[in-house]
C-alpha atoms as a PDB file:
ATOM      1  CA  MET A   1       3.552  -0.191  12.240  1.00  0.00           C
ATOM      2  CA  ARG A   2       4.780   0.554   8.701  1.00  0.00           C
ATOM      3  CA  ILE A   3       1.870   0.785   6.291  1.00  0.00           C
ATOM      4  CA  LEU A   4       1.935   1.133   2.511  1.00  0.00           C
ATOM      5  CA  ALA A   5      -1.216   2.787   1.151  1.00  0.00           C
ATOM      6  CA  VAL A   6      -1.805   2.619  -2.604  1.00  0.00           C
ATOM      7  CA  ASP A   7      -4.537   4.587  -4.370  1.00  0.00           C
ATOM      8  CA  ASP A   8      -4.658   6.567  -7.620  1.00  0.00           C
ATOM      9  CA  GLU A   9      -6.701   9.302  -5.900  1.00  0.00           C
ATOM     10  CA  PRO A  10      -4.388  11.705  -3.983  1.00  0.00           C
ATOM     11  CA  SER A  11      -7.179  12.952  -1.686  1.00  0.00           C
ATOM     12  CA  ILE A  12      -7.845   9.391  -0.475  1.00  0.00           C
ATOM     13  CA  LEU A  13      -4.145   8.878   0.219  1.00  0.00           C
ATOM     14  CA  GLU A  14      -3.982  12.127   2.180  1.00  0.00           C
ATOM     15  CA  LEU A  15      -7.032  11.119   4.230  1.00  0.00           C
ATOM     16  CA  LEU A  16      -5.576   7.690   5.009  1.00  0.00           C
ATOM     17  CA  LYS A  17      -2.178   9.136   5.916  1.00  0.00           C
ATOM     18  CA  THR A  18      -3.679  11.809   8.191  1.00  0.00           C
ATOM     19  CA  PHE A  19      -6.023   9.364   9.919  1.00  0.00           C
ATOM     20  CA  LEU A  20      -3.464   6.602  10.468  1.00  0.00           C
ATOM     21  CA  GLU A  21      -0.600   8.856  11.534  1.00  0.00           C
ATOM     22  CA  ALA A  22      -2.823  10.637  14.083  1.00  0.00           C
ATOM     23  CA  GLU A  23      -2.146   7.694  16.415  1.00  0.00           C
ATOM     24  CA  GLU A  24       1.569   8.562  16.216  1.00  0.00           C
ATOM     25  CA  VAL A  25       2.471   4.877  16.192  1.00  0.00           C
ATOM     26  CA  HIS A  26       2.115   4.319  12.449  1.00  0.00           C
ATOM     27  CA  GLU A  27       4.378   5.294   9.590  1.00  0.00           C
ATOM     28  CA  VAL A  28       2.407   5.581   6.361  1.00  0.00           C
ATOM     29  CA  VAL A  29       4.078   5.538   2.961  1.00  0.00           C
ATOM     30  CA  THR A  30       1.897   6.253  -0.059  1.00  0.00           C
ATOM     31  CA  ALA A  31       1.966   5.287  -3.719  1.00  0.00           C
ATOM     32  CA  THR A  32      -0.304   6.395  -6.549  1.00  0.00           C
ATOM     33  CA  SER A  33       0.075   3.286  -8.708  1.00  0.00           C
ATOM     34  CA  GLY A  34       0.852  -0.402  -8.524  1.00  0.00           C
ATOM     35  CA  ALA A  35       4.180   0.082 -10.299  1.00  0.00           C
ATOM     36  CA  GLN A  36       5.192   2.809  -7.855  1.00  0.00           C
ATOM     37  CA  ALA A  37       4.165   0.590  -4.915  1.00  0.00           C
ATOM     38  CA  LEU A  38       6.338  -2.279  -6.147  1.00  0.00           C
ATOM     39  CA  SER A  39       9.280   0.107  -6.571  1.00  0.00           C
ATOM     40  CA  ILE A  40       8.798   1.405  -3.037  1.00  0.00           C
ATOM     41  CA  ILE A  41       8.643  -2.145  -1.649  1.00  0.00           C
ATOM     42  CA  ASP A  42      11.788  -3.094  -3.572  1.00  0.00           C
ATOM     43  CA  ALA A  43      13.734  -0.065  -2.305  1.00  0.00           C
ATOM     44  CA  ALA A  44      12.446  -0.156   1.294  1.00  0.00           C
ATOM     45  CA  GLU A  45      15.064  -0.448   4.002  1.00  0.00           C
ATOM     46  CA  TYR A  46      12.489  -2.086   6.316  1.00  0.00           C
ATOM     47  CA  ASP A  47       9.561  -4.328   5.401  1.00  0.00           C
ATOM     48  CA  PHE A  48       5.999  -3.043   5.594  1.00  0.00           C
ATOM     49  CA  ASP A  49       3.676  -4.518   8.230  1.00  0.00           C
ATOM     50  CA  CYS A  50       0.420  -3.927   6.355  1.00  0.00           C
ATOM     51  CA  MET A  51      -0.831  -2.889   2.904  1.00  0.00           C
ATOM     52  CA  LEU A  52      -3.919  -0.848   2.002  1.00  0.00           C
ATOM     53  CA  LEU A  53      -4.685  -1.264  -1.702  1.00  0.00           C
ATOM     54  CA  ASP A  54      -7.294   0.401  -3.875  1.00  0.00           C
ATOM     55  CA  ILE A  55      -8.986  -2.153  -6.120  1.00  0.00           C
ATOM     56  CA  GLN A  56      -9.834   0.132  -9.042  1.00  0.00           C
ATOM     57  CA  MET A  57      -6.643   1.682 -10.383  1.00  0.00           C
ATOM     58  CA  PRO A  58      -5.526   2.195 -13.992  1.00  0.00           C
ATOM     59  CA  GLU A  59      -2.736   0.101 -15.547  1.00  0.00           C
ATOM     60  CA  MET A  60      -2.364  -2.307 -12.582  1.00  0.00           C
ATOM     61  CA  ASN A  61      -5.465  -2.836 -10.450  1.00  0.00           C
ATOM     62  CA  GLY A  62      -5.337  -3.705  -6.764  1.00  0.00           C
ATOM     63  CA  ILE A  63      -5.989  -7.410  -7.350  1.00  0.00           C
ATOM     64  CA  THR A  64      -2.976  -7.723  -9.654  1.00  0.00           C
ATOM     65  CA  LEU A  65      -0.873  -5.665  -7.252  1.00  0.00           C
ATOM     66  CA  CYS A  66      -1.948  -7.962  -4.409  1.00  0.00           C
ATOM     67  CA  GLU A  67      -0.850 -11.000  -6.440  1.00  0.00           C
ATOM     68  CA  ASN A  68       2.529  -9.373  -7.115  1.00  0.00           C
ATOM     69  CA  ILE A  69       3.037  -8.519  -3.446  1.00  0.00           C
ATOM     70  CA  CYS A  70       2.056 -12.025  -2.265  1.00  0.00           C
ATOM     71  CA  ALA A  71       4.615 -13.487  -4.686  1.00  0.00           C
ATOM     72  CA  LEU A  72       7.402 -11.711  -2.786  1.00  0.00           C
ATOM     73  CA  PRO A  73       8.913 -14.047  -0.141  1.00  0.00           C
ATOM     74  CA  ASP A  74       9.051 -11.362   2.576  1.00  0.00           C
ATOM     75  CA  TYR A  75       5.425 -10.337   2.025  1.00  0.00           C
ATOM     76  CA  PHE A  76       3.563 -13.639   1.663  1.00  0.00           C
ATOM     77  CA  HIS A  77       1.997 -13.316   5.140  1.00  0.00           C
ATOM     78  CA  VAL A  78       1.668  -9.520   5.368  1.00  0.00           C
ATOM     79  CA  PRO A  79      -1.959  -8.408   5.873  1.00  0.00           C
ATOM     80  CA  ILE A  80      -3.485  -6.720   2.829  1.00  0.00           C
ATOM     81  CA  ILE A  81      -6.672  -4.703   3.120  1.00  0.00           C
ATOM     82  CA  MET A  82      -8.460  -3.917  -0.115  1.00  0.00           C
ATOM     83  CA  LEU A  83     -10.193  -0.545  -0.458  1.00  0.00           C
ATOM     84  CA  THR A  84     -13.040   0.114  -2.847  1.00  0.00           C
ATOM     85  CA  ALA A  85     -15.626   2.766  -3.549  1.00  0.00           C
END
């Protein structure tokens, strides 16, 4: 499973990546902002199977990022899990 994890806190991203990749069946790509996440999605050779999005991020919050992702034809039905403190 290809997972995109987006959070402005690097320690949270590292924790998610370590935990999810421990199963050795997941590939986790991380982004520290909504803009970076959209760039990664745009440049990806293969679609992501799931998104983990932080809600509280500067500039573009997780809700706005979710709306942007759902507007993409290839990602309309991709599961999105919202993370919050």
